Amino acid sequence: MSQNNPDKDDQTSSSKKSISLPISRVRLIMKSSPDVSSINQDALFLTTKATELFVQHLAVSSFNNGSGKETNTLSYSDLANTAEETETFHFLTDILPKKILARDYLKSLEQMQEEDADF
């Protein structure tokens, strides 16, 4: 096969090198859906690449809007703030909630219970 079309083999190997996420892991996640019976290799590659680009976009947006520019770091709070403040990433607010201290959570829980008791 490589004797017939060496350019195609070069393209395949270079395209596999252009992604960082493990394709086997993405395949496993895709197959975990009961709606998926088989996965085309092109669809798997494109899904992997799209996921990688999305994560990169989220990271760059979070870094640019975050507090870690001076120290060249990206923290969870930067990701959570970006998810909450940027409309594009707003669907991630349940997955990336802002962290709160346990005492603050307990106070809000008590307030909710008091409000429920009033009714």
Protein backbone atom coordinates (compact mmCIF):
# COMPACT_ATOMS: atom_id res chain seq x y z
CA MET A 1 0.00 0.00 0.00
CA SER A 2 2.78 2.44 0.80
CA GLN A 3 4.41 1.59 -2.54
CA ASN A 4 1.27 2.64 -4.42
CA ASN A 5 0.74 5.99 -2.71
CA PRO A 6 3.57 7.17 -0.44
CA ASP A 7 2.09 10.68 -0.18
CA LYS A 8 -1.07 9.32 1.44
CA ASP A 9 0.98 7.46 4.09
CA ASP A 10 2.96 10.63 4.79
CA GLN A 11 -0.28 12.59 5.21
CA THR A 12 -1.71 9.94 7.55
CA SER A 13 1.38 9.86 9.75
CA SER A 14 1.66 13.65 9.83
CA SER A 15 -2.03 14.05 10.66
CA LYS A 16 -1.68 11.59 13.56
CA LYS A 17 1.28 13.60 14.82
CA SER A 18 -0.76 16.81 14.69
CA ILE A 19 -3.02 15.74 17.57
CA SER A 20 -2.08 15.48 21.22
CA LEU A 21 -5.06 13.66 22.70
CA PRO A 22 -4.93 9.86 22.68
CA ILE A 23 -7.26 8.60 19.96
CA SER A 24 -7.92 5.37 21.85
CA ARG A 25 -9.29 7.35 24.81
CA VAL A 26 -11.58 9.40 22.57
CA ARG A 27 -12.76 6.18 20.89
CA LEU A 28 -13.54 4.71 24.33
CA ILE A 29 -15.56 7.79 25.31
CA MET A 30 -17.45 7.77 22.02
CA LYS A 31 -18.24 4.06 22.32
CA SER A 32 -19.59 4.59 25.83
CA SER A 33 -22.66 6.15 24.22
CA PRO A 34 -25.39 3.57 23.57
CA ASP A 35 -26.24 5.35 20.31
CA VAL A 36 -22.82 4.63 18.78
CA SER A 37 -22.28 1.21 17.22
CA SER A 38 -19.23 1.83 15.03
CA ILE A 39 -16.86 4.74 14.55
CA ASN A 40 -15.35 5.79 11.24
CA GLN A 41 -11.62 6.57 11.50
CA ASP A 42 -12.10 9.98 9.86
CA ALA A 43 -14.88 10.86 12.30
CA LEU A 44 -12.70 9.72 15.20
CA PHE A 45 -9.78 11.85 14.02
CA LEU A 46 -11.97 14.92 13.44
CA THR A 47 -13.68 14.54 16.83
CA THR A 48 -10.29 14.23 18.51
CA LYS A 49 -8.93 17.29 16.70
CA ALA A 50 -12.08 19.34 17.42
CA THR A 51 -11.87 18.42 21.11
CA GLU A 52 -8.24 19.41 21.21
CA LEU A 53 -8.96 22.76 19.56
CA PHE A 54 -11.86 23.41 21.94
CA VAL A 55 -9.72 22.71 25.01
CA GLN A 56 -6.99 24.93 23.60
CA HIS A 57 -9.47 27.76 22.98
CA LEU A 58 -10.84 27.43 26.52
CA ALA A 59 -7.34 27.46 27.99
CA VAL A 60 -6.19 30.47 25.98
CA SER A 61 -9.37 32.43 26.79
CA SER A 62 -9.05 31.55 30.47
CA PHE A 63 -5.38 32.52 30.52
CA ASN A 64 -6.01 35.85 28.79
CA ASN A 65 -8.90 36.73 31.13
CA GLY A 66 -7.35 35.18 34.22
CA SER A 67 -5.05 36.26 36.97
CA GLY A 68 -2.09 34.12 35.98
CA LYS A 69 -0.57 36.29 33.27
CA GLU A 70 2.10 37.64 35.60
CA THR A 71 3.11 34.19 36.84
CA ASN A 72 2.42 32.44 33.52
CA THR A 73 -0.03 29.99 35.14
CA LEU A 74 -3.57 28.83 34.56
CA SER A 75 -5.69 27.90 37.56
CA TYR A 76 -9.05 26.22 38.09
CA SER A 77 -10.54 29.54 39.17
CA ASP A 78 -9.50 31.07 35.83
CA LEU A 79 -11.36 28.29 34.00
CA ALA A 80 -14.42 28.63 36.25
CA ASN A 81 -14.53 32.41 35.80
CA THR A 82 -14.27 32.08 32.03
CA ALA A 83 -17.07 29.51 31.99
CA GLU A 84 -19.29 31.83 34.03
CA GLU A 85 -18.46 35.14 32.34
CA THR A 86 -18.09 34.17 28.68
CA GLU A 87 -21.30 33.31 26.87
CA THR A 88 -19.53 30.87 24.56
CA PHE A 89 -18.46 28.74 27.53
CA HIS A 90 -21.52 29.29 29.71
CA PHE A 91 -22.67 25.68 29.18
CA LEU A 92 -19.65 24.60 31.25
CA THR A 93 -20.78 26.31 34.47
CA ASP A 94 -22.14 23.04 35.88
CA ILE A 95 -18.91 21.22 35.06
CA LEU A 96 -16.59 24.04 36.19
CA PRO A 97 -18.38 25.64 39.16
CA LYS A 98 -16.67 28.30 41.21
CA LYS A 99 -15.13 26.86 44.32
CA ILE A 100 -16.62 27.91 47.64
CA LEU A 101 -15.43 27.26 51.17
CA ALA A 102 -17.22 24.64 53.22
CA ARG A 103 -18.34 27.21 55.81
CA ASP A 104 -19.88 29.36 53.07
CA TYR A 105 -21.70 26.35 51.68
CA LEU A 106 -22.99 25.39 55.12
CA LYS A 107 -24.25 28.97 55.67
CA SER A 108 -26.11 28.95 52.36
CA LEU A 109 -27.52 25.49 53.17
CA GLU A 110 -28.79 26.76 56.54
CA GLN A 111 -30.39 29.78 54.85
CA MET A 112 -32.14 27.52 52.34
CA GLN A 113 -33.42 25.29 55.13
CA GLU A 114 -34.72 28.33 57.05
CA GLU A 115 -36.50 29.59 53.95
CA ASP A 116 -38.08 26.15 53.45
CA ALA A 117 -39.17 26.10 57.09
CA ASP A 118 -40.88 29.48 56.67
CA PHE A 119 -43.21 28.02 54.04
